[in-house]
Structure formats: structure tokens, C-alpha cells
């Protein structure tokens, strides 16, 4: 197991289940994506460039999926969490039930189209 996978596997519930669900979607939708461990969290890279990261925020009690070129993504903007960030946004999930796979896939596909 690489450090990014270890990060995911060692998270307590519900973070582990959320992260694993998101991991399956990302790797199914974008088979060429590469999972790395950067800044002490899992980062997905495409064509050698950062695409998005997965971060379990125990303090905030959610999983953050941060998109590197988030300011260029237009789909589902009502779900974007920017928190005063100019270049990035994230999708946040507090449980498996809050994940809308269709929205996540739409945003993911648009993010990939920017590379």
C-alpha cells in the first residue's frame, strides 16, 4: 500500500468509507489518474499535474475534495465551497448519504477536461 492508500485506510469511520467511495469513483471515471501522497494527504494527478485532493477534516467533521483548477469549473457551482479561496474550491461530504455521485462525476469530468 502506498502512503496515500494508507492515509485512507487508517482513517476512522465515517471518513474511511467516504474516502474509499470517492477513491473508487475517481479511479473508475479516470483510469489514467495517479494517486500520490503530497502535503500529507492523497492527491490525484493527471498528466503529471495536480487534479484534486482528498482530505479528512476531523475538526470540521467532513471530507473535502479540493479541485486544483476549481475557479475554472462551472458545473454545480451551488455545491462549491470556496472559503475565500480564489483558485480552488471543494466539495464537502459529512457522510456517504450526502454524496451525490452524479454531481461528483460531473465536476470530476469537467475538471479533467481542463488538462
N, C-alpha and C. Protein backbone atom coordinates (compact mmCIF):
# COMPACT_ATOMS: atom_id res chain seq x y z
N UNK A 1 0.84 -1.18 0.00
CA UNK A 1 0.00 0.00 0.00
C UNK A 1 0.89 1.24 0.00
N UNK A 2 0.55 2.21 -0.86
CA UNK A 2 1.32 3.45 -0.86
C UNK A 2 0.82 4.36 0.25
N UNK A 3 1.56 5.42 0.59
CA UNK A 3 1.17 6.29 1.71
C UNK A 3 -0.23 6.92 1.55
N UNK A 4 -0.64 7.22 0.33
CA UNK A 4 -1.97 7.80 0.12
C UNK A 4 -3.05 6.78 0.47
N UNK A 5 -2.86 5.54 0.06
CA UNK A 5 -3.82 4.50 0.40
C UNK A 5 -3.81 4.21 1.90
N UNK A 6 -2.64 4.26 2.51
CA UNK A 6 -2.54 4.08 3.96
C UNK A 6 -3.32 5.17 4.68
N UNK A 7 -3.17 6.41 4.22
CA UNK A 7 -3.92 7.54 4.80
C UNK A 7 -5.42 7.23 4.79
N UNK A 8 -5.92 6.78 3.66
CA UNK A 8 -7.35 6.49 3.52
C UNK A 8 -7.75 5.34 4.43
N UNK A 9 -7.00 4.26 4.39
CA UNK A 9 -7.34 3.06 5.15
C UNK A 9 -7.30 3.28 6.65
N UNK A 10 -6.41 4.15 7.12
CA UNK A 10 -6.24 4.36 8.55
C UNK A 10 -7.19 5.41 9.15
N UNK A 11 -8.02 6.00 8.33
CA UNK A 11 -8.98 6.98 8.86
C UNK A 11 -10.08 6.27 9.65
N UNK A 12 -10.56 6.89 10.72
CA UNK A 12 -11.71 6.31 11.42
C UNK A 12 -12.98 6.51 10.60
N UNK A 13 -14.00 5.77 10.94
CA UNK A 13 -15.30 5.97 10.28
C UNK A 13 -15.92 7.26 10.79
N UNK A 14 -16.67 7.98 10.00
CA UNK A 14 -17.14 7.66 8.66
C UNK A 14 -16.18 8.10 7.56
N UNK A 15 -15.05 8.72 7.95
CA UNK A 15 -14.12 9.26 6.95
C UNK A 15 -13.59 8.20 5.99
N UNK A 16 -13.24 7.04 6.55
CA UNK A 16 -12.68 5.97 5.70
C UNK A 16 -13.67 5.56 4.61
N UNK A 17 -14.92 5.34 4.98
CA UNK A 17 -15.92 4.92 3.99
C UNK A 17 -16.14 5.98 2.92
N UNK A 18 -16.19 7.23 3.34
CA UNK A 18 -16.37 8.34 2.38
C UNK A 18 -15.18 8.39 1.43
N UNK A 19 -13.97 8.36 1.99
CA UNK A 19 -12.76 8.43 1.16
C UNK A 19 -12.67 7.26 0.19
N UNK A 20 -12.98 6.07 0.66
CA UNK A 20 -12.91 4.89 -0.21
C UNK A 20 -13.95 4.97 -1.33
N UNK A 21 -15.13 5.48 -1.02
CA UNK A 21 -16.17 5.64 -2.04
C UNK A 21 -15.70 6.63 -3.11
N UNK A 22 -15.16 7.76 -2.67
CA UNK A 22 -14.67 8.77 -3.62
C UNK A 22 -13.50 8.24 -4.44
N UNK A 23 -12.63 7.47 -3.80
CA UNK A 23 -11.48 6.88 -4.49
C UNK A 23 -11.94 5.96 -5.62
N UNK A 24 -12.93 5.13 -5.34
CA UNK A 24 -13.44 4.21 -6.36
C UNK A 24 -14.01 4.99 -7.54
N UNK A 25 -14.76 6.05 -7.26
CA UNK A 25 -15.35 6.85 -8.35
C UNK A 25 -14.25 7.49 -9.19
N UNK A 26 -13.30 8.15 -8.53
CA UNK A 26 -12.23 8.84 -9.27
C UNK A 26 -11.48 7.86 -10.16
N UNK A 27 -11.08 6.73 -9.60
CA UNK A 27 -10.26 5.78 -10.35
C UNK A 27 -11.06 5.04 -11.42
N UNK A 28 -12.37 4.96 -11.27
CA UNK A 28 -13.21 4.35 -12.30
C UNK A 28 -13.44 5.33 -13.46
N UNK A 29 -13.71 6.57 -13.14
CA UNK A 29 -14.00 7.60 -14.16
C UNK A 29 -12.74 8.00 -14.91
N UNK A 30 -11.60 8.04 -14.21
CA UNK A 30 -10.34 8.49 -14.82
C UNK A 30 -9.27 7.41 -14.61
N UNK A 31 -9.27 6.36 -15.41
CA UNK A 31 -8.32 5.26 -15.20
C UNK A 31 -6.86 5.69 -15.25
N UNK A 32 -6.55 6.74 -15.99
CA UNK A 32 -5.16 7.17 -16.13
C UNK A 32 -4.67 8.04 -14.97
N UNK A 33 -5.54 8.31 -14.01
CA UNK A 33 -5.17 9.17 -12.88
C UNK A 33 -4.14 8.46 -12.00
N UNK A 34 -3.28 9.25 -11.36
CA UNK A 34 -2.24 8.71 -10.49
C UNK A 34 -2.44 9.23 -9.08
N UNK A 35 -2.52 8.31 -8.12
CA UNK A 35 -2.70 8.68 -6.72
C UNK A 35 -1.33 8.84 -6.07
N UNK A 36 -1.09 10.04 -5.53
CA UNK A 36 0.17 10.35 -4.85
C UNK A 36 -0.14 10.83 -3.44
N UNK A 37 0.91 10.94 -2.65
CA UNK A 37 0.79 11.44 -1.29
C UNK A 37 1.60 12.72 -1.20
N UNK A 38 0.89 13.85 -1.18
CA UNK A 38 1.55 15.16 -1.14
C UNK A 38 0.94 15.98 -0.01
N UNK A 39 1.75 16.77 0.66
CA UNK A 39 1.26 17.64 1.74
C UNK A 39 0.52 16.84 2.81
N UNK A 40 0.90 15.59 2.99
CA UNK A 40 0.35 14.67 3.98
C UNK A 40 -1.10 14.28 3.73
N UNK A 41 -1.54 14.38 2.47
CA UNK A 41 -2.88 13.94 2.08
C UNK A 41 -2.83 13.30 0.69
N UNK A 42 -3.84 12.51 0.33
CA UNK A 42 -3.88 11.91 -1.01
C UNK A 42 -4.18 12.97 -2.07
N UNK A 43 -3.40 12.97 -3.12
CA UNK A 43 -3.57 13.88 -4.26
C UNK A 43 -3.68 13.06 -5.52
N UNK A 44 -4.63 13.39 -6.35
CA UNK A 44 -4.74 12.77 -7.67
C UNK A 44 -4.07 13.67 -8.68
N UNK A 45 -3.24 13.05 -9.53
CA UNK A 45 -2.53 13.76 -10.59
C UNK A 45 -2.96 13.20 -11.93
N UNK A 46 -3.02 14.08 -12.92
CA UNK A 46 -3.30 13.68 -14.28
C UNK A 46 -2.31 14.41 -15.18
N UNK A 47 -1.69 13.66 -16.07
CA UNK A 47 -0.67 14.20 -16.97
C UNK A 47 0.43 14.94 -16.19
N UNK A 48 0.76 14.42 -15.01
CA UNK A 48 1.82 15.00 -14.20
C UNK A 48 1.44 16.24 -13.42
N UNK A 49 0.17 16.62 -13.47
CA UNK A 49 -0.28 17.85 -12.79
C UNK A 49 -1.38 17.53 -11.78
N UNK A 50 -1.44 18.29 -10.68
CA UNK A 50 -2.45 18.01 -9.66
C UNK A 50 -3.88 18.26 -10.17
N UNK A 51 -4.75 17.31 -9.88
CA UNK A 51 -6.16 17.40 -10.27
C UNK A 51 -7.02 17.74 -9.06
N UNK A 52 -6.92 16.91 -8.02
CA UNK A 52 -7.70 17.14 -6.81
C UNK A 52 -7.06 16.41 -5.64
N UNK A 53 -7.49 16.78 -4.44
CA UNK A 53 -7.00 16.11 -3.25
C UNK A 53 -8.17 15.63 -2.41
N UNK A 54 -7.89 14.68 -1.53
CA UNK A 54 -8.87 14.16 -0.57
C UNK A 54 -8.34 14.45 0.82
N UNK A 55 -9.15 15.09 1.65
CA UNK A 55 -8.70 15.44 2.99
C UNK A 55 -9.81 15.18 4.00
N UNK A 56 -9.50 14.37 5.00
CA UNK A 56 -10.44 14.12 6.09
C UNK A 56 -10.21 15.19 7.16
N UNK A 57 -11.18 16.05 7.35
CA UNK A 57 -11.08 17.10 8.37
C UNK A 57 -11.82 16.63 9.61
N UNK A 58 -11.06 16.15 10.56
CA UNK A 58 -11.67 15.67 11.80
C UNK A 58 -12.25 16.83 12.59
N UNK A 59 -11.58 17.95 12.56
CA UNK A 59 -12.07 19.15 13.27
C UNK A 59 -13.40 19.62 12.67
N UNK A 60 -13.46 19.69 11.34
CA UNK A 60 -14.68 20.14 10.67
C UNK A 60 -15.71 19.04 10.49
N UNK A 61 -15.30 17.81 10.70
CA UNK A 61 -16.15 16.62 10.58
C UNK A 61 -16.70 16.44 9.17
N UNK A 62 -15.81 16.52 8.18
CA UNK A 62 -16.19 16.29 6.79
C UNK A 62 -14.99 15.82 6.01
N UNK A 63 -15.25 15.33 4.80
CA UNK A 63 -14.19 15.01 3.85
C UNK A 63 -14.27 16.06 2.76
N UNK A 64 -13.14 16.65 2.48
CA UNK A 64 -13.00 17.70 1.47
C UNK A 64 -12.39 17.09 0.21
N UNK A 65 -13.00 17.36 -0.94
CA UNK A 65 -12.40 17.02 -2.22
C UNK A 65 -12.08 18.37 -2.86
N UNK A 66 -10.82 18.74 -2.83
CA UNK A 66 -10.40 20.04 -3.35
C UNK A 66 -9.93 19.93 -4.78
N UNK A 67 -10.44 20.80 -5.62
CA UNK A 67 -10.10 20.79 -7.04
C UNK A 67 -9.09 21.89 -7.34
N UNK A 68 -7.97 21.47 -7.93
CA UNK A 68 -6.83 22.36 -8.18
C UNK A 68 -7.20 23.54 -9.08
N UNK A 69 -7.93 23.29 -10.15
CA UNK A 69 -8.35 24.36 -11.07
C UNK A 69 -9.82 24.71 -10.84
N UNK A 70 -10.19 24.74 -9.59
CA UNK A 70 -11.59 24.93 -9.22
C UNK A 70 -12.23 26.20 -9.74
N UNK A 71 -11.46 27.26 -9.86
CA UNK A 71 -12.02 28.52 -10.35
C UNK A 71 -12.46 28.44 -11.80
N UNK A 72 -12.05 27.39 -12.52
CA UNK A 72 -12.42 27.22 -13.92
C UNK A 72 -13.60 26.26 -14.10
N UNK A 73 -14.03 25.62 -13.03
CA UNK A 73 -15.11 24.64 -13.10
C UNK A 73 -16.44 25.36 -12.88
N UNK A 74 -17.34 25.20 -13.82
CA UNK A 74 -18.62 25.92 -13.80
C UNK A 74 -19.81 25.06 -13.39
N UNK A 75 -19.69 23.74 -13.51
CA UNK A 75 -20.82 22.86 -13.20
C UNK A 75 -21.09 22.82 -11.70
N UNK A 76 -22.36 22.83 -11.36
CA UNK A 76 -22.83 22.66 -9.98
C UNK A 76 -22.19 23.65 -9.00
N UNK A 77 -22.11 24.90 -9.40
CA UNK A 77 -21.47 25.90 -8.55
C UNK A 77 -22.17 26.07 -7.20
N UNK A 78 -23.43 25.71 -7.13
CA UNK A 78 -24.14 25.82 -5.85
C UNK A 78 -23.61 24.81 -4.82
N UNK A 79 -22.79 23.88 -5.24
CA UNK A 79 -22.18 22.90 -4.32
C UNK A 79 -20.72 23.24 -4.01
N UNK A 80 -20.17 24.24 -4.65
CA UNK A 80 -18.76 24.61 -4.44
C UNK A 80 -18.58 25.30 -3.09
N UNK A 81 -17.55 24.91 -2.38
CA UNK A 81 -17.16 25.57 -1.14
C UNK A 81 -15.83 26.25 -1.43
N UNK A 82 -15.81 27.57 -1.38
CA UNK A 82 -14.59 28.30 -1.72
C UNK A 82 -13.85 28.82 -0.49
N UNK A 83 -14.57 29.23 0.53
CA UNK A 83 -13.97 29.77 1.75
C UNK A 83 -12.84 30.75 1.46
N UNK A 84 -13.15 31.75 0.66
CA UNK A 84 -12.21 32.84 0.33
C UNK A 84 -11.01 32.39 -0.48
N UNK A 85 -11.08 31.21 -1.09
CA UNK A 85 -10.00 30.76 -1.97
C UNK A 85 -10.32 31.27 -3.37
N UNK A 86 -9.32 31.74 -4.07
CA UNK A 86 -9.53 32.30 -5.41
C UNK A 86 -9.34 31.27 -6.51
N UNK A 87 -8.48 30.31 -6.31
CA UNK A 87 -8.14 29.37 -7.37
C UNK A 87 -8.80 28.00 -7.20
N UNK A 88 -9.16 27.65 -5.99
CA UNK A 88 -9.66 26.31 -5.72
C UNK A 88 -11.05 26.36 -5.10
N UNK A 89 -11.74 25.24 -5.19
CA UNK A 89 -12.96 25.04 -4.43
C UNK A 89 -12.99 23.58 -4.03
N UNK A 90 -13.90 23.25 -3.15
CA UNK A 90 -14.02 21.85 -2.76
C UNK A 90 -15.48 21.44 -2.69
N UNK A 91 -15.67 20.15 -2.76
CA UNK A 91 -16.95 19.53 -2.47
C UNK A 91 -16.76 18.87 -1.10
N UNK A 92 -17.74 19.04 -0.22
CA UNK A 92 -17.62 18.52 1.14
C UNK A 92 -18.69 17.50 1.45
N UNK A 93 -18.26 16.46 2.15
CA UNK A 93 -19.17 15.38 2.48
C UNK A 93 -19.03 14.99 3.95
N UNK A 94 -20.17 14.93 4.64
CA UNK A 94 -20.18 14.56 6.06
C UNK A 94 -20.56 13.09 6.27
N UNK A 95 -21.13 12.48 5.24
CA UNK A 95 -21.50 11.06 5.32
C UNK A 95 -21.61 10.51 3.91
N UNK A 96 -21.66 9.19 3.81
CA UNK A 96 -21.85 8.57 2.49
C UNK A 96 -23.17 9.01 1.86
N UNK A 97 -24.18 9.21 2.69
CA UNK A 97 -25.50 9.58 2.19
C UNK A 97 -25.53 10.97 1.57
N UNK A 98 -24.59 11.82 1.94
CA UNK A 98 -24.58 13.19 1.39
C UNK A 98 -23.87 13.27 0.04
N UNK A 99 -23.25 12.19 -0.39
CA UNK A 99 -22.55 12.19 -1.67
C UNK A 99 -23.56 11.96 -2.80
N UNK A 100 -23.65 12.94 -3.68
CA UNK A 100 -24.44 12.78 -4.90
C UNK A 100 -23.46 12.38 -5.99
N UNK A 101 -23.42 11.09 -6.31
CA UNK A 101 -22.43 10.58 -7.27
C UNK A 101 -22.50 11.30 -8.60
N UNK A 102 -23.70 11.63 -9.06
CA UNK A 102 -23.85 12.28 -10.38
C UNK A 102 -23.19 13.65 -10.37
N UNK A 103 -23.36 14.41 -9.31
CA UNK A 103 -22.73 15.74 -9.21
C UNK A 103 -21.22 15.59 -9.14
N UNK A 104 -20.75 14.65 -8.32
CA UNK A 104 -19.31 14.44 -8.19
C UNK A 104 -18.69 14.05 -9.52
N UNK A 105 -19.33 13.15 -10.25
CA UNK A 105 -18.83 12.71 -11.55
C UNK A 105 -18.83 13.87 -12.55
N UNK A 106 -19.89 14.65 -12.58
CA UNK A 106 -19.94 15.82 -13.48
C UNK A 106 -18.78 16.77 -13.22
N UNK A 107 -18.55 17.09 -11.96
CA UNK A 107 -17.48 18.02 -11.60
C UNK A 107 -16.13 17.40 -11.94
N UNK A 108 -15.97 16.14 -11.64
CA UNK A 108 -14.72 15.44 -11.93
C UNK A 108 -14.41 15.45 -13.43
N UNK A 109 -15.41 15.16 -14.24
CA UNK A 109 -15.21 15.15 -15.70
C UNK A 109 -14.86 16.54 -16.22
N UNK A 110 -15.52 17.57 -15.68
CA UNK A 110 -15.18 18.91 -16.12
C UNK A 110 -13.76 19.27 -15.71
N UNK A 111 -13.36 18.87 -14.48
CA UNK A 111 -12.01 19.14 -14.02
C UNK A 111 -10.98 18.48 -14.94
N UNK A 112 -11.22 17.23 -15.32
CA UNK A 112 -10.31 16.52 -16.22
C UNK A 112 -10.22 17.21 -17.58
N UNK A 113 -11.33 17.75 -18.04
CA UNK A 113 -11.34 18.41 -19.36
C UNK A 113 -10.45 19.64 -19.41
N UNK A 114 -10.03 20.14 -18.27
CA UNK A 114 -9.17 21.34 -18.21
C UNK A 114 -7.69 20.99 -18.44
N UNK A 115 -7.37 19.70 -18.55
CA UNK A 115 -5.98 19.28 -18.71
C UNK A 115 -5.70 18.82 -20.13
